[in-house]
Amino acid sequence: MRLRWRLLWLLIVGVLATIEIGILTNVITPGNLIGSFFAFLIGLVVISVLAIVGAVFIGMFVSHRILSTQGFTPFEQEMLNMRQDVRDLAERVEEIAARVGGRGPPKAP
């Protein structure tokens, strides 16, 4: 499945590169491309899709870089605090069980 998508993107980029080379060498003039309205619309849609996909990936990269340099999020800090509270409570229960003479809570695996 991945190979199909790679081939599709290579085909799209290849067609766009061919059109660009044709424009630079004056084999294809911009007037011919604009005159062919259907070809113009297809090129516009393909370029728009590639721009949106590129913008999404750049946004994901930038946001990852910004967020990864910071410490824990408030939610993660609260989870760590709760974990410490559970440990403290477990120790207190063990101490109480030892004073009472019971077996205490079962140990976690």
PDB file of N, CA and C in Angstrom:
ATOM      1  N   MET A   1       0.817  -1.186   0.000  1.00  0.00           N
ATOM      2  CA  MET A   1       0.000   0.000   0.000  1.00  0.00           C
ATOM      3  C   MET A   1       0.867   1.259   0.000  1.00  0.00           C
ATOM      4  N   ARG A   2       1.931   1.229   0.798  1.00  0.00           N
ATOM      5  CA  ARG A   2       2.823   2.397   0.844  1.00  0.00           C
ATOM      6  C   ARG A   2       3.484   2.624  -0.505  1.00  0.00           C
ATOM      7  N   LEU A   3       3.818   1.552  -1.198  1.00  0.00           N
ATOM      8  CA  LEU A   3       4.481   1.677  -2.494  1.00  0.00           C
ATOM      9  C   LEU A   3       3.575   2.386  -3.490  1.00  0.00           C
ATOM     10  N   ARG A   4       2.288   2.087  -3.442  1.00  0.00           N
ATOM     11  CA  ARG A   4       1.348   2.741  -4.358  1.00  0.00           C
ATOM     12  C   ARG A   4       1.317   4.248  -4.121  1.00  0.00           C
ATOM     13  N   TRP A   5       1.270   4.660  -2.842  1.00  0.00           N
ATOM     14  CA  TRP A   5       1.235   6.083  -2.535  1.00  0.00           C
ATOM     15  C   TRP A   5       2.531   6.760  -2.957  1.00  0.00           C
ATOM     16  N   ARG A   6       3.645   6.080  -2.730  1.00  0.00           N
ATOM     17  CA  ARG A   6       4.933   6.663  -3.144  1.00  0.00           C
ATOM     18  C   ARG A   6       4.984   6.846  -4.659  1.00  0.00           C
ATOM     19  N   LEU A   7       4.516   5.824  -5.381  1.00  0.00           N
ATOM     20  CA  LEU A   7       4.512   5.937  -6.845  1.00  0.00           C
ATOM     21  C   LEU A   7       3.574   7.039  -7.318  1.00  0.00           C
ATOM     22  N   LEU A   8       2.418   7.175  -6.648  1.00  0.00           N
ATOM     23  CA  LEU A   8       1.480   8.235  -7.018  1.00  0.00           C
ATOM     24  C   LEU A   8       2.108   9.607  -6.805  1.00  0.00           C
ATOM     25  N   TRP A   9       2.749   9.830  -5.655  1.00  0.00           N
ATOM     26  CA  TRP A   9       3.377  11.117  -5.387  1.00  0.00           C
ATOM     27  C   TRP A   9       4.543  11.371  -6.335  1.00  0.00           C
ATOM     28  N   LEU A  10       5.317  10.319  -6.645  1.00  0.00           N
ATOM     29  CA  LEU A  10       6.407  10.489  -7.606  1.00  0.00           C
ATOM     30  C   LEU A  10       5.859  10.858  -8.981  1.00  0.00           C
ATOM     31  N   LEU A  11       4.757  10.262  -9.379  1.00  0.00           N
ATOM     32  CA  LEU A  11       4.133  10.589 -10.665  1.00  0.00           C
ATOM     33  C   LEU A  11       3.667  12.044 -10.684  1.00  0.00           C
ATOM     34  N   ILE A  12       3.012  12.472  -9.605  1.00  0.00           N
ATOM     35  CA  ILE A  12       2.521  13.855  -9.545  1.00  0.00           C
ATOM     36  C   ILE A  12       3.681  14.842  -9.586  1.00  0.00           C
ATOM     37  N   VAL A  13       4.701  14.596  -8.784  1.00  0.00           N
ATOM     38  CA  VAL A  13       5.860  15.491  -8.774  1.00  0.00           C
ATOM     39  C   VAL A  13       6.574  15.466 -10.124  1.00  0.00           C
ATOM     40  N   GLY A  14       6.645  14.302 -10.744  1.00  0.00           N
ATOM     41  CA  GLY A  14       7.274  14.193 -12.057  1.00  0.00           C
ATOM     42  C   GLY A  14       6.538  15.001 -13.115  1.00  0.00           C
ATOM     43  N   VAL A  15       5.211  14.924 -13.104  1.00  0.00           N
ATOM     44  CA  VAL A  15       4.423  15.694 -14.070  1.00  0.00           C
ATOM     45  C   VAL A  15       4.628  17.189 -13.842  1.00  0.00           C
ATOM     46  N   LEU A  16       4.590  17.606 -12.585  1.00  0.00           N
ATOM     47  CA  LEU A  16       4.808  19.030 -12.299  1.00  0.00           C
ATOM     48  C   LEU A  16       6.214  19.481 -12.685  1.00  0.00           C
ATOM     49  N   ALA A  17       7.207  18.644 -12.437  1.00  0.00           N
ATOM     50  CA  ALA A  17       8.579  18.987 -12.824  1.00  0.00           C
ATOM     51  C   ALA A  17       8.703  19.080 -14.342  1.00  0.00           C
ATOM     52  N   THR A  18       8.046  18.160 -15.047  1.00  0.00           N
ATOM     53  CA  THR A  18       8.077  18.198 -16.516  1.00  0.00           C
ATOM     54  C   THR A  18       7.439  19.479 -17.037  1.00  0.00           C
ATOM     55  N   ILE A  19       6.318  19.872 -16.461  1.00  0.00           N
ATOM     56  CA  ILE A  19       5.676  21.119 -16.878  1.00  0.00           C
ATOM     57  C   ILE A  19       6.597  22.310 -16.595  1.00  0.00           C
ATOM     58  N   GLU A  20       7.238  22.300 -15.438  1.00  0.00           N
ATOM     59  CA  GLU A  20       8.139  23.410 -15.094  1.00  0.00           C
ATOM     60  C   GLU A  20       9.328  23.479 -16.046  1.00  0.00           C
ATOM     61  N   ILE A  21       9.908  22.342 -16.368  1.00  0.00           N
ATOM     62  CA  ILE A  21      11.031  22.322 -17.311  1.00  0.00           C
ATOM     63  C   ILE A  21      10.563  22.786 -18.685  1.00  0.00           C
ATOM     64  N   GLY A  22       9.352  22.376 -19.078  1.00  0.00           N
ATOM     65  CA  GLY A  22       8.808  22.837 -20.359  1.00  0.00           C
ATOM     66  C   GLY A  22       8.607  24.335 -20.395  1.00  0.00           C
ATOM     67  N   ILE A  23       8.174  24.907 -19.294  1.00  0.00           N
ATOM     68  CA  ILE A  23       7.990  26.362 -19.243  1.00  0.00           C
ATOM     69  C   ILE A  23       9.341  27.070 -19.297  1.00  0.00           C
ATOM     70  N   LEU A  24      10.333  26.547 -18.579  1.00  0.00           N
ATOM     71  CA  LEU A  24      11.644  27.187 -18.579  1.00  0.00           C
ATOM     72  C   LEU A  24      12.332  27.119 -19.937  1.00  0.00           C
ATOM     73  N   THR A  25      12.109  26.058 -20.693  1.00  0.00           N
ATOM     74  CA  THR A  25      12.740  25.912 -22.009  1.00  0.00           C
ATOM     75  C   THR A  25      11.880  26.466 -23.143  1.00  0.00           C
ATOM     76  N   ASN A  26      10.755  27.107 -22.793  1.00  0.00           N
ATOM     77  CA  ASN A  26       9.818  27.706 -23.764  1.00  0.00           C
ATOM     78  C   ASN A  26       9.176  26.685 -24.697  1.00  0.00           C
ATOM     79  N   VAL A  27       9.191  25.423 -24.338  1.00  0.00           N
ATOM     80  CA  VAL A  27       8.426  24.424 -25.088  1.00  0.00           C
ATOM     81  C   VAL A  27       6.949  24.594 -24.756  1.00  0.00           C
ATOM     82  N   ILE A  28       6.683  24.858 -23.501  1.00  0.00           N
ATOM     83  CA  ILE A  28       5.325  25.138 -23.053  1.00  0.00           C
ATOM     84  C   ILE A  28       5.311  26.588 -22.597  1.00  0.00           C
ATOM     85  N   THR A  29       4.432  27.363 -23.160  1.00  0.00           N
ATOM     86  CA  THR A  29       4.337  28.756 -22.739  1.00  0.00           C
ATOM     87  C   THR A  29       3.225  28.895 -21.708  1.00  0.00           C
ATOM     88  N   PRO A  30       3.348  29.841 -20.799  1.00  0.00           N
ATOM     89  CA  PRO A  30       2.281  30.027 -19.809  1.00  0.00           C
ATOM     90  C   PRO A  30       0.929  30.312 -20.454  1.00  0.00           C
ATOM     91  N   GLY A  31       0.939  30.928 -21.624  1.00  0.00           N
ATOM     92  CA  GLY A  31      -0.322  31.192 -22.329  1.00  0.00           C
ATOM     93  C   GLY A  31      -1.011  29.908 -22.739  1.00  0.00           C
ATOM     94  N   ASN A  32      -0.248  28.904 -23.153  1.00  0.00           N
ATOM     95  CA  ASN A  32      -0.851  27.616 -23.512  1.00  0.00           C
ATOM     96  C   ASN A  32      -1.441  26.926 -22.291  1.00  0.00           C
ATOM     97  N   LEU A  33      -0.741  27.022 -21.165  1.00  0.00           N
ATOM     98  CA  LEU A  33      -1.256  26.373 -19.955  1.00  0.00           C
ATOM     99  C   LEU A  33      -2.525  27.041 -19.464  1.00  0.00           C
ATOM    100  N   ILE A  34      -2.546  28.371 -19.495  1.00  0.00           N
ATOM    101  CA  ILE A  34      -3.735  29.077 -19.041  1.00  0.00           C
ATOM    102  C   ILE A  34      -4.861  28.897 -20.055  1.00  0.00           C
ATOM    103  N   GLY A  35      -4.516  28.811 -21.324  1.00  0.00           N
ATOM    104  CA  GLY A  35      -5.520  28.565 -22.350  1.00  0.00           C
ATOM    105  C   GLY A  35      -6.192  27.218 -22.160  1.00  0.00           C
ATOM    106  N   SER A  36      -5.448  26.252 -21.724  1.00  0.00           N
ATOM    107  CA  SER A  36      -6.037  24.953 -21.431  1.00  0.00           C
ATOM    108  C   SER A  36      -6.546  24.998 -19.981  1.00  0.00           C
ATOM    109  N   PHE A  37      -7.778  25.393 -19.823  1.00  0.00           N
ATOM    110  CA  PHE A  37      -8.348  25.638 -18.503  1.00  0.00           C
ATOM    111  C   PHE A  37      -8.350  24.383 -17.633  1.00  0.00           C
ATOM    112  N   PHE A  38      -8.612  23.252 -18.217  1.00  0.00           N
ATOM    113  CA  PHE A  38      -8.654  21.997 -17.454  1.00  0.00           C
ATOM    114  C   PHE A  38      -7.275  21.658 -16.882  1.00  0.00           C
ATOM    115  N   ALA A  39      -6.234  21.810 -17.679  1.00  0.00           N
ATOM    116  CA  ALA A  39      -4.876  21.544 -17.200  1.00  0.00           C
ATOM    117  C   ALA A  39      -4.500  22.533 -16.101  1.00  0.00           C
ATOM    118  N   PHE A  40      -4.941  23.772 -16.251  1.00  0.00           N
ATOM    119  CA  PHE A  40      -4.675  24.776 -15.227  1.00  0.00           C
ATOM    120  C   PHE A  40      -5.336  24.415 -13.900  1.00  0.00           C
ATOM    121  N   LEU A  41      -6.591  23.964 -13.965  1.00  0.00           N
ATOM    122  CA  LEU A  41      -7.292  23.577 -12.745  1.00  0.00           C
ATOM    123  C   LEU A  41      -6.645  22.368 -12.073  1.00  0.00           C
ATOM    124  N   ILE A  42      -6.240  21.382 -12.856  1.00  0.00           N
ATOM    125  CA  ILE A  42      -5.587  20.196 -12.287  1.00  0.00           C
ATOM    126  C   ILE A  42      -4.275  20.600 -11.610  1.00  0.00           C
ATOM    127  N   GLY A  43      -3.486  21.419 -12.258  1.00  0.00           N
ATOM    128  CA  GLY A  43      -2.236  21.876 -11.659  1.00  0.00           C
ATOM    129  C   GLY A  43      -2.479  22.665 -10.391  1.00  0.00           C
ATOM    130  N   LEU A  44      -3.508  23.494 -10.394  1.00  0.00           N
ATOM    131  CA  LEU A  44      -3.838  24.289  -9.212  1.00  0.00           C
ATOM    132  C   LEU A  44      -4.254  23.401  -8.047  1.00  0.00           C
ATOM    133  N   VAL A  45      -5.060  22.386  -8.312  1.00  0.00           N
ATOM    134  CA  VAL A  45      -5.506  21.472  -7.253  1.00  0.00           C
ATOM    135  C   VAL A  45      -4.329  20.674  -6.703  1.00  0.00           C
ATOM    136  N   VAL A  46      -3.475  20.175  -7.582  1.00  0.00           N
ATOM    137  CA  VAL A  46      -2.332  19.375  -7.130  1.00  0.00           C
ATOM    138  C   VAL A  46      -1.381  20.228  -6.288  1.00  0.00           C
ATOM    139  N   ILE A  47      -1.094  21.419  -6.732  1.00  0.00           N
ATOM    140  CA  ILE A  47      -0.202  22.298  -5.976  1.00  0.00           C
ATOM    141  C   ILE A  47      -0.829  22.662  -4.629  1.00  0.00           C
ATOM    142  N   SER A  48      -2.140  22.891  -4.609  1.00  0.00           N
ATOM    143  CA  SER A  48      -2.822  23.212  -3.347  1.00  0.00           C
ATOM    144  C   SER A  48      -2.750  22.049  -2.365  1.00  0.00           C
ATOM    145  N   VAL A  49      -2.984  20.839  -2.847  1.00  0.00           N
ATOM    146  CA  VAL A  49      -2.926  19.666  -1.969  1.00  0.00           C
ATOM    147  C   VAL A  49      -1.510  19.482  -1.420  1.00  0.00           C
ATOM    148  N   LEU A  50      -0.518  19.601  -2.282  1.00  0.00           N
ATOM    149  CA  LEU A  50       0.863  19.459  -1.811  1.00  0.00           C
ATOM    150  C   LEU A  50       1.228  20.558  -0.819  1.00  0.00           C
ATOM    151  N   ALA A  51       0.734  21.776  -1.037  1.00  0.00           N
ATOM    152  CA  ALA A  51       1.021  22.870  -0.103  1.00  0.00           C
ATOM    153  C   ALA A  51       0.371  22.616   1.250  1.00  0.00           C
ATOM    154  N   ILE A  52      -0.854  22.111   1.252  1.00  0.00           N
ATOM    155  CA  ILE A  52      -1.543  21.833   2.519  1.00  0.00           C
ATOM    156  C   ILE A  52      -0.838  20.711   3.272  1.00  0.00           C
ATOM    157  N   VAL A  53      -0.479  19.642   2.556  1.00  0.00           N
ATOM    158  CA  VAL A  53       0.225  18.529   3.205  1.00  0.00           C
ATOM    159  C   VAL A  53       1.563  18.999   3.764  1.00  0.00           C
ATOM    160  N   GLY A  54       2.289  19.788   3.013  1.00  0.00           N
ATOM    161  CA  GLY A  54       3.566  20.313   3.490  1.00  0.00           C
ATOM    162  C   GLY A  54       3.395  21.221   4.701  1.00  0.00           C
ATOM    163  N   ALA A  55       2.361  22.065   4.677  1.00  0.00           N
ATOM    164  CA  ALA A  55       2.115  22.957   5.811  1.00  0.00           C
ATOM    165  C   ALA A  55       1.769  22.169   7.066  1.00  0.00           C
ATOM    166  N   VAL A  56       1.004  21.093   6.910  1.00  0.00           N
ATOM    167  CA  VAL A  56       0.652  20.267   8.072  1.00  0.00           C
ATOM    168  C   VAL A  56       1.905  19.630   8.660  1.00  0.00           C
ATOM    169  N   PHE A  57       2.758  19.074   7.817  1.00  0.00           N
ATOM    170  CA  PHE A  57       3.975  18.438   8.317  1.00  0.00           C
ATOM    171  C   PHE A  57       4.923  19.448   8.961  1.00  0.00           C
ATOM    172  N   ILE A  58       5.043  20.627   8.375  1.00  0.00           N
ATOM    173  CA  ILE A  58       5.891  21.659   8.974  1.00  0.00           C
ATOM    174  C   ILE A  58       5.315  22.105  10.314  1.00  0.00           C
ATOM    175  N   GLY A  59       3.985  22.249  10.386  1.00  0.00           N
ATOM    176  CA  GLY A  59       3.345  22.616  11.650  1.00  0.00           C
ATOM    177  C   GLY A  59       3.546  21.563  12.721  1.00  0.00           C
ATOM    178  N   MET A  60       3.445  20.295  12.339  1.00  0.00           N
ATOM    179  CA  MET A  60       3.677  19.222  13.304  1.00  0.00           C
ATOM    180  C   MET A  60       5.125  19.243  13.784  1.00  0.00           C
ATOM    181  N   PHE A  61       6.048  19.463  12.889  1.00  0.00           N
ATOM    182  CA  PHE A  61       7.467  19.495  13.254  1.00  0.00           C
ATOM    183  C   PHE A  61       7.761  20.649  14.209  1.00  0.00           C
ATOM    184  N   VAL A  62       7.249  21.838  13.873  1.00  0.00           N
ATOM    185  CA  VAL A  62       7.518  23.016  14.697  1.00  0.00           C
ATOM    186  C   VAL A  62       6.878  22.860  16.075  1.00  0.00           C
ATOM    187  N   SER A  63       5.628  22.392  16.126  1.00  0.00           N
ATOM    188  CA  SER A  63       4.969  22.244  17.427  1.00  0.00           C
ATOM    189  C   SER A  63       5.655  21.172  18.264  1.00  0.00           C
ATOM    190  N   HIS A  64       6.137  20.122  17.636  1.00  0.00           N
ATOM    191  CA  HIS A  64       6.866  19.094  18.388  1.00  0.00           C
ATOM    192  C   HIS A  64       8.157  19.665  18.966  1.00  0.00           C
ATOM    193  N   ARG A  65       8.864  20.438  18.175  1.00  0.00           N
ATOM    194  CA  ARG A  65      10.115  21.035  18.655  1.00  0.00           C
ATOM    195  C   ARG A  65       9.858  22.009  19.801  1.00  0.00           C
ATOM    196  N   ILE A  66       8.789  22.765  19.718  1.00  0.00           N
ATOM    197  CA  ILE A  66       8.487  23.740  20.768  1.00  0.00           C
ATOM    198  C   ILE A  66       8.074  23.027  22.046  1.00  0.00           C
ATOM    199  N   LEU A  67       7.201  22.044  21.934  1.00  0.00           N
ATOM    200  CA  LEU A  67       6.681  21.379  23.126  1.00  0.00           C
ATOM    201  C   LEU A  67       7.673  20.402  23.742  1.00  0.00           C
ATOM    202  N   SER A  68       8.588  19.850  22.960  1.00  0.00           N
ATOM    203  CA  SER A  68       9.504  18.852  23.507  1.00  0.00           C
ATOM    204  C   SER A  68      10.599  19.478  24.365  1.00  0.00           C
ATOM    205  N   THR A  69      10.861  20.773  24.218  1.00  0.00           N
ATOM    206  CA  THR A  69      11.914  21.408  25.015  1.00  0.00           C
ATOM    207  C   THR A  69      11.413  21.842  26.383  1.00  0.00           C
ATOM    208  N   GLN A  70      10.093  21.843  26.583  1.00  0.00           N
ATOM    209  CA  GLN A  70       9.540  22.253  27.858  1.00  0.00           C
ATOM    210  C   GLN A  70       9.498  21.070  28.808  1.00  0.00           C
ATOM    211  N   GLY A  71       9.169  21.360  30.071  1.00  0.00           N
ATOM    212  CA  GLY A  71       9.028  20.309  31.066  1.00  0.00           C
ATOM    213  C   GLY A  71       7.710  19.570  30.873  1.00  0.00           C
ATOM    214  N   PHE A  72       7.249  18.969  31.957  1.00  0.00           N
ATOM    215  CA  PHE A  72       6.005  18.239  31.901  1.00  0.00           C
ATOM    216  C   PHE A  72       4.833  19.201  31.758  1.00  0.00           C
ATOM    217  N   THR A  73       3.776  18.715  31.123  1.00  0.00           N
ATOM    218  CA  THR A  73       2.550  19.494  31.023  1.00  0.00           C
ATOM    219  C   THR A  73       1.861  19.493  32.385  1.00  0.00           C
ATOM    220  N   PRO A  74       0.919  20.404  32.624  1.00  0.00           N
ATOM    221  CA  PRO A  74       0.200  20.396  33.904  1.00  0.00           C
ATOM    222  C   PRO A  74      -0.496  19.059  34.187  1.00  0.00           C
ATOM    223  N   PHE A  75      -1.045  18.433  33.169  1.00  0.00           N
ATOM    224  CA  PHE A  75      -1.686  17.137  33.362  1.00  0.00           C
ATOM    225  C   PHE A  75      -0.668  16.087  33.809  1.00  0.00           C
ATOM    226  N   GLU A  76       0.483  16.075  33.170  1.00  0.00           N
ATOM    227  CA  GLU A  76       1.520  15.111  33.551  1.00  0.00           C
ATOM    228  C   GLU A  76       2.030  15.374  34.965  1.00  0.00           C
ATOM    229  N   GLN A  77       2.165  16.643  35.340  1.00  0.00           N
ATOM    230  CA  GLN A  77       2.593  16.965  36.701  1.00  0.00           C
ATOM    231  C   GLN A  77       1.577  16.471  37.723  1.00  0.00           C
ATOM    232  N   GLU A  78       0.299  16.652  37.421  1.00  0.00           N
ATOM    233  CA  GLU A  78      -0.746  16.186  38.336  1.00  0.00           C
ATOM    234  C   GLU A  78      -0.730  14.665  38.455  1.00  0.00           C
ATOM    235  N   MET A  79      -0.491  13.975  37.347  1.00  0.00           N
ATOM    236  CA  MET A  79      -0.415  12.507  37.399  1.00  0.00           C
ATOM    237  C   MET A  79       0.781  12.056  38.245  1.00  0.00           C
ATOM    238  N   LEU A  80       1.903  12.743  38.133  1.00  0.00           N
ATOM    239  CA  LEU A  80       3.067  12.400  38.952  1.00  0.00           C
ATOM    240  C   LEU A  80       2.803  12.663  40.431  1.00  0.00           C
ATOM    241  N   ASN A  81       2.114  13.770  40.719  1.00  0.00           N
ATOM    242  CA  ASN A  81       1.757  14.056  42.111  1.00  0.00           C
ATOM    243  C   ASN A  81       0.817  12.987  42.659  1.00  0.00           C
ATOM    244  N   MET A  82      -0.155  12.573  41.847  1.00  0.00           N
ATOM    245  CA  MET A  82      -1.083  11.534  42.289  1.00  0.00           C
ATOM    246  C   MET A  82      -0.354  10.213  42.518  1.00  0.00           C
ATOM    247  N   ARG A  83       0.611   9.914  41.698  1.00  0.00           N
ATOM    248  CA  ARG A  83       1.386   8.685  41.865  1.00  0.00           C
ATOM    249  C   ARG A  83       2.136   8.704  43.201  1.00  0.00           C
ATOM    250  N   GLN A  84       2.722   9.857  43.521  1.00  0.00           N
ATOM    251  CA  GLN A  84       3.430   9.977  44.795  1.00  0.00           C
ATOM    252  C   GLN A  84       2.459   9.865  45.966  1.00  0.00           C
ATOM    253  N   ASP A  85       1.266  10.451  45.828  1.00  0.00           N
ATOM    254  CA  ASP A  85       0.255  10.338  46.884  1.00  0.00           C
ATOM    255  C   ASP A  85      -0.145   8.886  47.113  1.00  0.00           C
ATOM    256  N   VAL A  86      -0.299   8.131  46.035  1.00  0.00           N
ATOM    257  CA  VAL A  86      -0.665   6.716  46.167  1.00  0.00           C
ATOM    258  C   VAL A  86       0.459   5.948  46.856  1.00  0.00           C
ATOM    259  N   ARG A  87       1.685   6.239  46.534  1.00  0.00           N
ATOM    260  CA  ARG A  87       2.816   5.579  47.207  1.00  0.00           C
ATOM    261  C   ARG A  87       2.819   5.895  48.708  1.00  0.00           C
ATOM    262  N   ASP A  88       2.600   7.170  49.034  1.00  0.00           N
ATOM    263  CA  ASP A  88       2.573   7.565  50.452  1.00  0.00           C
ATOM    264  C   ASP A  88       1.446   6.850  51.194  1.00  0.00           C
ATOM    265  N   LEU A  89       0.265   6.779  50.568  1.00  0.00           N
ATOM    266  CA  LEU A  89      -0.857   6.096  51.201  1.00  0.00           C
ATOM    267  C   LEU A  89      -0.574   4.606  51.382  1.00  0.00           C
ATOM    268  N   ALA A  90       0.057   3.991  50.405  1.00  0.00           N
ATOM    269  CA  ALA A  90       0.383   2.567  50.512  1.00  0.00           C
ATOM    270  C   ALA A  90       1.358   2.326  51.660  1.00  0.00           C
ATOM    271  N   GLU A  91       2.333   3.212  51.822  1.00  0.00           N
ATOM    272  CA  GLU A  91       3.285   3.074  52.930  1.00  0.00           C
ATOM    273  C   GLU A  91       2.581   3.234  54.280  1.00  0.00           C
ATOM    274  N   ARG A  92       1.661   4.196  54.362  1.00  0.00           N
ATOM    275  CA  ARG A  92       0.931   4.392  55.617  1.00  0.00           C
ATOM    276  C   ARG A  92       0.062   3.190  55.943  1.00  0.00           C
ATOM    277  N   VAL A  93      -0.564   2.592  54.926  1.00  0.00           N
ATOM    278  CA  VAL A  93      -1.391   1.403  55.162  1.00  0.00           C
ATOM    279  C   VAL A  93      -0.518   0.251  55.644  1.00  0.00           C
ATOM    280  N   GLU A  94       0.649   0.111  55.072  1.00  0.00           N
ATOM    281  CA  GLU A  94       1.559  -0.953  55.518  1.00  0.00           C
ATOM    282  C   GLU A  94       1.985  -0.733  56.969  1.00  0.00           C
ATOM    283  N   GLU A  95       2.278   0.519  57.324  1.00  0.00           N
ATOM    284  CA  GLU A  95       2.650   0.816  58.710  1.00  0.00           C
ATOM    285  C   GLU A  95       1.507   0.503  59.678  1.00  0.00           C
ATOM    286  N   ILE A  96       0.297   0.885  59.310  1.00  0.00           N
ATOM    287  CA  ILE A  96      -0.863   0.615  60.167  1.00  0.00           C
ATOM    288  C   ILE A  96      -1.083  -0.885  60.284  1.00  0.00           C
ATOM    289  N   ALA A  97      -0.945  -1.602  59.182  1.00  0.00           N
ATOM    290  CA  ALA A  97      -1.133  -3.060  59.200  1.00  0.00           C
ATOM    291  C   ALA A  97      -0.070  -3.722  60.064  1.00  0.00           C
ATOM    292  N   ALA A  98       1.145  -3.193  60.038  1.00  0.00           N
ATOM    293  CA  ALA A  98       2.210  -3.767  60.863  1.00  0.00           C
ATOM    294  C   ALA A  98       1.919  -3.535  62.345  1.00  0.00           C
ATOM    295  N   ARG A  99       1.395  -2.345  62.696  1.00  0.00           N
ATOM    296  CA  ARG A  99       1.062  -2.060  64.093  1.00  0.00           C
ATOM    297  C   ARG A  99      -0.104  -2.912  64.566  1.00  0.00           C
ATOM    298  N   VAL A 100      -1.090  -3.122  63.708  1.00  0.00           N
ATOM    299  CA  VAL A 100      -2.270  -3.894  64.094  1.00  0.00           C
ATOM    300  C   VAL A 100      -1.934  -5.374  64.115  1.00  0.00           C
ATOM    301  N   GLY A 101      -0.989  -5.784  63.327  1.00  0.00           N
ATOM    302  CA  GLY A 101      -0.584  -7.190  63.297  1.00  0.00           C
ATOM    303  C   GLY A 101      -1.211  -7.948  62.138  1.00  0.00           C
ATOM    304  N   GLY A 102      -1.815  -7.250  61.214  1.00  0.00           N
ATOM    305  CA  GLY A 102      -2.400  -7.908  60.047  1.00  0.00           C
ATOM    306  C   GLY A 102      -1.358  -8.169  58.981  1.00  0.00           C
ATOM    307  N   ARG A 103      -1.822  -8.814  57.963  1.00  0.00           N
ATOM    308  CA  ARG A 103      -0.898  -9.121  56.853  1.00  0.00           C
ATOM    309  C   ARG A 103      -0.632  -7.900  55.998  1.00  0.00           C
ATOM    310  N   GLY A 104      -1.553  -6.979  55.941  1.00  0.00           N
ATOM    311  CA  GLY A 104      -1.374  -5.798  55.098  1.00  0.00           C
ATOM    312  C   GLY A 104      -1.900  -6.043  53.700  1.00  0.00           C
ATOM    313  N   PRO A 105      -1.888  -5.030  52.894  1.00  0.00           N
ATOM    314  CA  PRO A 105      -2.400  -5.179  51.525  1.00  0.00           C
ATOM    315  C   PRO A 105      -1.460  -6.066  50.699  1.00  0.00           C
ATOM    316  N   PRO A 106      -2.023  -6.721  49.688  1.00  0.00           N
ATOM    317  CA  PRO A 106      -1.157  -7.562  48.836  1.00  0.00           C
ATOM    318  C   PRO A 106      -0.202  -6.686  48.034  1.00  0.00           C
ATOM    319  N   LYS A 107       0.969  -7.200  47.810  1.00  0.00           N
ATOM    320  CA  LYS A 107       2.001  -6.474  47.060  1.00  0.00           C
ATOM    321  C   LYS A 107       1.663  -6.490  45.567  1.00  0.00           C
ATOM    322  N   ALA A 108       1.955  -5.402  44.908  1.00  0.00           N
ATOM    323  CA  ALA A 108       1.741  -5.339  43.469  1.00  0.00           C
ATOM    324  C   ALA A 108       2.826  -6.127  42.766  1.00  0.00           C
ATOM    325  N   PRO A 109       2.491  -6.797  41.660  1.00  0.00           N
ATOM    326  CA  PRO A 109       3.506  -7.594  40.941  1.00  0.00           C
ATOM    327  C   PRO A 109       4.537  -6.773  40.265  1.00  0.00           C
TER     328      PRO A 109
END
